[in-house]
Amino acid sequence: MTMTTLLKQRQRPTCPHCDTATQIRKHGKARSGLPCYMCLGCRGTFQVPYIY
């Protein structure tokens, strides 16, 4: 593995609902401007980090 591949794998968030990191896709942006993510395994959406 190259260094670029390792960095991309570490930056991938994990789903707080089902604890998987392989099926995560971007899902737009929240009002706070942070990116939202969607897990294709459990269809849950989340933010990292979550801001009220």
PDB file of N, CA and C in Angstrom:
ATOM      1  N   MET A   1       0.837  -1.186   0.000  1.00  0.00           N
ATOM      2  CA  MET A   1       0.000   0.000   0.000  1.00  0.00           C
ATOM      3  C   MET A   1       0.881   1.249   0.000  1.00  0.00           C
ATOM      4  N   THR A   2       0.398   2.243  -0.686  1.00  0.00           N
ATOM      5  CA  THR A   2       1.131   3.499  -0.697  1.00  0.00           C
ATOM      6  C   THR A   2       0.650   4.392   0.440  1.00  0.00           C
ATOM      7  N   MET A   3       1.380   5.446   0.689  1.00  0.00           N
ATOM      8  CA  MET A   3       1.033   6.372   1.773  1.00  0.00           C
ATOM      9  C   MET A   3      -0.298   7.072   1.496  1.00  0.00           C
ATOM     10  N   THR A   4      -0.572   7.388   0.229  1.00  0.00           N
ATOM     11  CA  THR A   4      -1.823   8.050  -0.137  1.00  0.00           C
ATOM     12  C   THR A   4      -3.020   7.148   0.163  1.00  0.00           C
ATOM     13  N   THR A   5      -2.884   5.867  -0.125  1.00  0.00           N
ATOM     14  CA  THR A   5      -3.970   4.921   0.140  1.00  0.00           C
ATOM     15  C   THR A   5      -4.229   4.811   1.640  1.00  0.00           C
ATOM     16  N   LEU A   6      -3.176   4.777   2.429  1.00  0.00           N
ATOM     17  CA  LEU A   6      -3.348   4.692   3.881  1.00  0.00           C
ATOM     18  C   LEU A   6      -4.013   5.940   4.447  1.00  0.00           C
ATOM     19  N   LEU A   7      -3.667   7.113   3.931  1.00  0.00           N
ATOM     20  CA  LEU A   7      -4.282   8.348   4.411  1.00  0.00           C
ATOM     21  C   LEU A   7      -5.754   8.407   4.049  1.00  0.00           C
ATOM     22  N   LYS A   8      -6.125   7.947   2.867  1.00  0.00           N
ATOM     23  CA  LYS A   8      -7.534   7.959   2.473  1.00  0.00           C
ATOM     24  C   LYS A   8      -8.346   7.007   3.332  1.00  0.00           C
ATOM     25  N   GLN A   9      -7.777   5.870   3.714  1.00  0.00           N
ATOM     26  CA  GLN A   9      -8.491   4.919   4.550  1.00  0.00           C
ATOM     27  C   GLN A   9      -8.686   5.467   5.958  1.00  0.00           C
ATOM     28  N   ARG A  10      -7.727   6.199   6.492  1.00  0.00           N
ATOM     29  CA  ARG A  10      -7.835   6.739   7.844  1.00  0.00           C
ATOM     30  C   ARG A  10      -8.825   7.883   7.934  1.00  0.00           C
ATOM     31  N   GLN A  11      -9.042   8.617   6.834  1.00  0.00           N
ATOM     32  CA  GLN A  11      -9.942   9.761   6.859  1.00  0.00           C
ATOM     33  C   GLN A  11     -11.401   9.360   6.702  1.00  0.00           C
ATOM     34  N   ARG A  12     -11.669   8.128   6.376  1.00  0.00           N
ATOM     35  CA  ARG A  12     -13.035   7.670   6.184  1.00  0.00           C
ATOM     36  C   ARG A  12     -13.721   7.525   7.537  1.00  0.00           C
ATOM     37  N   PRO A  13     -14.864   8.194   7.747  1.00  0.00           N
ATOM     38  CA  PRO A  13     -15.556   8.084   9.042  1.00  0.00           C
ATOM     39  C   PRO A  13     -16.246   6.729   9.182  1.00  0.00           C
ATOM     40  N   THR A  14     -16.525   6.351  10.408  1.00  0.00           N
ATOM     41  CA  THR A  14     -17.264   5.117  10.668  1.00  0.00           C
ATOM     42  C   THR A  14     -18.693   5.473  11.067  1.00  0.00           C
ATOM     43  N   CYS A  15     -19.608   4.615  10.716  1.00  0.00           N
ATOM     44  CA  CYS A  15     -21.027   4.834  11.008  1.00  0.00           C
ATOM     45  C   CYS A  15     -21.273   4.627  12.505  1.00  0.00           C
ATOM     46  N   PRO A  16     -21.884   5.609  13.191  1.00  0.00           N
ATOM     47  CA  PRO A  16     -22.164   5.430  14.622  1.00  0.00           C
ATOM     48  C   PRO A  16     -23.310   4.455  14.888  1.00  0.00           C
ATOM     49  N   HIS A  17     -24.072   4.115  13.847  1.00  0.00           N
ATOM     50  CA  HIS A  17     -25.213   3.218  14.012  1.00  0.00           C
ATOM     51  C   HIS A  17     -24.805   1.745  13.916  1.00  0.00           C
ATOM     52  N   CYS A  18     -23.966   1.413  12.907  1.00  0.00           N
ATOM     53  CA  CYS A  18     -23.612   0.006  12.691  1.00  0.00           C
ATOM     54  C   CYS A  18     -22.100  -0.247  12.720  1.00  0.00           C
ATOM     55  N   ASP A  19     -21.290   0.773  12.993  1.00  0.00           N
ATOM     56  CA  ASP A  19     -19.833   0.667  13.146  1.00  0.00           C
ATOM     57  C   ASP A  19     -19.111   0.122  11.914  1.00  0.00           C
ATOM     58  N   THR A  20     -19.570   0.446  10.730  1.00  0.00           N
ATOM     59  CA  THR A  20     -18.870   0.064   9.508  1.00  0.00           C
ATOM     60  C   THR A  20     -18.253   1.300   8.870  1.00  0.00           C
ATOM     61  N   ALA A  21     -17.160   1.110   8.147  1.00  0.00           N
ATOM     62  CA  ALA A  21     -16.500   2.241   7.497  1.00  0.00           C
ATOM     63  C   ALA A  21     -16.360   2.012   5.999  1.00  0.00           C
ATOM     64  N   THR A  22     -16.841   0.886   5.501  1.00  0.00           N
ATOM     65  CA  THR A  22     -16.623   0.561   4.094  1.00  0.00           C
ATOM     66  C   THR A  22     -17.723   1.064   3.176  1.00  0.00           C
ATOM     67  N   GLN A  23     -18.898   1.328   3.696  1.00  0.00           N
ATOM     68  CA  GLN A  23     -20.032   1.712   2.856  1.00  0.00           C
ATOM     69  C   GLN A  23     -20.496   3.138   3.135  1.00  0.00           C
ATOM     70  N   ILE A  24     -19.574   4.048   3.416  1.00  0.00           N
ATOM     71  CA  ILE A  24     -19.914   5.426   3.748  1.00  0.00           C
ATOM     72  C   ILE A  24     -19.795   6.301   2.504  1.00  0.00           C
ATOM     73  N   ARG A  25     -20.817   7.129   2.272  1.00  0.00           N
ATOM     74  CA  ARG A  25     -20.819   8.066   1.149  1.00  0.00           C
ATOM     75  C   ARG A  25     -21.175   9.449   1.651  1.00  0.00           C
ATOM     76  N   LYS A  26     -20.701  10.474   0.959  1.00  0.00           N
ATOM     77  CA  LYS A  26     -21.072  11.840   1.321  1.00  0.00           C
ATOM     78  C   LYS A  26     -22.553  12.043   1.012  1.00  0.00           C
ATOM     79  N   HIS A  27     -23.213  12.885   1.843  1.00  0.00           N
ATOM     80  CA  HIS A  27     -24.665  13.068   1.717  1.00  0.00           C
ATOM     81  C   HIS A  27     -25.037  14.537   1.912  1.00  0.00           C
ATOM     82  N   GLY A  28     -24.282  15.442   1.287  1.00  0.00           N
ATOM     83  CA  GLY A  28     -24.598  16.862   1.360  1.00  0.00           C
ATOM     84  C   GLY A  28     -23.928  17.557   2.515  1.00  0.00           C
ATOM     85  N   LYS A  29     -24.473  18.727   2.874  1.00  0.00           N
ATOM     86  CA  LYS A  29     -23.931  19.520   3.980  1.00  0.00           C
ATOM     87  C   LYS A  29     -25.043  19.909   4.931  1.00  0.00           C
ATOM     88  N   ALA A  30     -24.672  20.070   6.192  1.00  0.00           N
ATOM     89  CA  ALA A  30     -25.612  20.497   7.229  1.00  0.00           C
ATOM     90  C   ALA A  30     -25.685  22.021   7.260  1.00  0.00           C
ATOM     91  N   ARG A  31     -26.563  22.558   8.068  1.00  0.00           N
ATOM     92  CA  ARG A  31     -26.669  24.010   8.220  1.00  0.00           C
ATOM     93  C   ARG A  31     -25.381  24.618   8.752  1.00  0.00           C
ATOM     94  N   SER A  32     -24.655  23.850   9.537  1.00  0.00           N
ATOM     95  CA  SER A  32     -23.404  24.335  10.113  1.00  0.00           C
ATOM     96  C   SER A  32     -22.277  24.397   9.079  1.00  0.00           C
ATOM     97  N   GLY A  33     -22.495  23.821   7.900  1.00  0.00           N
ATOM     98  CA  GLY A  33     -21.483  23.824   6.856  1.00  0.00           C
ATOM     99  C   GLY A  33     -20.625  22.580   6.834  1.00  0.00           C
ATOM    100  N   LEU A  34     -20.788  21.697   7.826  1.00  0.00           N
ATOM    101  CA  LEU A  34     -20.020  20.456   7.874  1.00  0.00           C
ATOM    102  C   LEU A  34     -20.639  19.418   6.944  1.00  0.00           C
ATOM    103  N   PRO A  35     -19.833  18.528   6.386  1.00  0.00           N
ATOM    104  CA  PRO A  35     -20.385  17.499   5.494  1.00  0.00           C
ATOM    105  C   PRO A  35     -21.199  16.463   6.260  1.00  0.00           C
ATOM    106  N   CYS A  36     -22.246  15.980   5.620  1.00  0.00           N
ATOM    107  CA  CYS A  36     -23.047  14.880   6.153  1.00  0.00           C
ATOM    108  C   CYS A  36     -22.656  13.612   5.404  1.00  0.00           C
ATOM    109  N   TYR A  37     -22.795  12.487   6.060  1.00  0.00           N
ATOM    110  CA  TYR A  37     -22.463  11.196   5.471  1.00  0.00           C
ATOM    111  C   TYR A  37     -23.655  10.267   5.583  1.00  0.00           C
ATOM    112  N   MET A  38     -23.712   9.278   4.682  1.00  0.00           N
ATOM    113  CA  MET A  38     -24.777   8.282   4.702  1.00  0.00           C
ATOM    114  C   MET A  38     -24.149   6.897   4.626  1.00  0.00           C
ATOM    115  N   CYS A  39     -24.593   6.002   5.489  1.00  0.00           N
ATOM    116  CA  CYS A  39     -24.135   4.616   5.473  1.00  0.00           C
ATOM    117  C   CYS A  39     -25.067   3.825   4.569  1.00  0.00           C
ATOM    118  N   LEU A  40     -24.514   3.168   3.565  1.00  0.00           N
ATOM    119  CA  LEU A  40     -25.335   2.392   2.648  1.00  0.00           C
ATOM    120  C   LEU A  40     -25.752   1.047   3.249  1.00  0.00           C
ATOM    121  N   GLY A  41     -25.087   0.636   4.318  1.00  0.00           N
ATOM    122  CA  GLY A  41     -25.434  -0.623   4.976  1.00  0.00           C
ATOM    123  C   GLY A  41     -26.714  -0.515   5.783  1.00  0.00           C
ATOM    124  N   CYS A  42     -26.806   0.519   6.640  1.00  0.00           N
ATOM    125  CA  CYS A  42     -27.988   0.664   7.502  1.00  0.00           C
ATOM    126  C   CYS A  42     -28.859   1.850   7.096  1.00  0.00           C
ATOM    127  N   ARG A  43     -28.451   2.592   6.072  1.00  0.00           N
ATOM    128  CA  ARG A  43     -29.176   3.764   5.550  1.00  0.00           C
ATOM    129  C   ARG A  43     -29.267   4.895   6.573  1.00  0.00           C
ATOM    130  N   GLY A  44     -28.359   4.928   7.554  1.00  0.00           N
ATOM    131  CA  GLY A  44     -28.338   5.988   8.559  1.00  0.00           C
ATOM    132  C   GLY A  44     -27.510   7.171   8.072  1.00  0.00           C
ATOM    133  N   THR A  45     -27.863   8.375   8.505  1.00  0.00           N
ATOM    134  CA  THR A  45     -27.102   9.568   8.166  1.00  0.00           C
ATOM    135  C   THR A  45     -26.487  10.139   9.440  1.00  0.00           C
ATOM    136  N   PHE A  46     -25.324  10.787   9.280  1.00  0.00           N
ATOM    137  CA  PHE A  46     -24.627  11.335  10.438  1.00  0.00           C
ATOM    138  C   PHE A  46     -23.636  12.390  10.001  1.00  0.00           C
ATOM    139  N   GLN A  47     -23.129  13.145  10.979  1.00  0.00           N
ATOM    140  CA  GLN A  47     -22.102  14.149  10.793  1.00  0.00           C
ATOM    141  C   GLN A  47     -20.910  13.795  11.682  1.00  0.00           C
ATOM    142  N   VAL A  48     -19.713  14.173  11.256  1.00  0.00           N
ATOM    143  CA  VAL A  48     -18.519  14.015  12.086  1.00  0.00           C
ATOM    144  C   VAL A  48     -17.786  15.321  12.055  1.00  0.00           C
ATOM    145  N   PRO A  49     -17.584  16.035  13.098  1.00  0.00           N
ATOM    146  CA  PRO A  49     -18.219  15.956  14.403  1.00  0.00           C
ATOM    147  C   PRO A  49     -19.613  16.594  14.358  1.00  0.00           C
ATOM    148  N   TYR A  50     -20.479  16.192  15.255  1.00  0.00           N
ATOM    149  CA  TYR A  50     -21.845  16.717  15.285  1.00  0.00           C
ATOM    150  C   TYR A  50     -21.857  18.037  16.056  1.00  0.00           C
ATOM    151  N   ILE A  51     -22.456  19.067  15.472  1.00  0.00           N
ATOM    152  CA  ILE A  51     -22.587  20.374  16.120  1.00  0.00           C
ATOM    153  C   ILE A  51     -24.068  20.737  16.174  1.00  0.00           C
ATOM    154  N   TYR A  52     -24.545  21.162  17.339  1.00  0.00           N
ATOM    155  CA  TYR A  52     -25.944  21.549  17.496  1.00  0.00           C
ATOM    156  C   TYR A  52     -26.205  22.877  16.825  1.00  0.00           C
TER     157      TYR A  52
END
